[in-house]
Amino acid sequence: MAKKIDSAEIKKLMKSGNIVIGTEKTIKSLKLGRIQKVLLSANCPAKVERDINYYAGLDKVEFHKLDYPNDELGVICKKPFSISVLALLKGSK
């Protein structure tokens, strides 16, 4: 967990279109080796965090815990729902 990721950077990632939203899609993509970086909300459930951390560790994927709770992350991403997990696909910035 190197540097802090701010809301402007998250918005930029969303515009790139190379983002996976949601726990199930992220875990599936991690298993397939398609993920470069995983972002978790501040209040992500412990079980989800353990699962993501496990699969991210298998493929040595960057893992970041954000300062934003899941409802605020949903607003930042301009979605009408809470978001606990975001993942950046490989081949993107």
Foldseek 3Di string as FASTA:
>chain_A
DPDADDLVNVQVLLVVVQKDFDLVVLLVCLVVVFFAEKEFEQPADPVSVVSNVVSCVVNVHHYYYHDHHQVVSCVSSVHPDGTGMMTGTPPDD
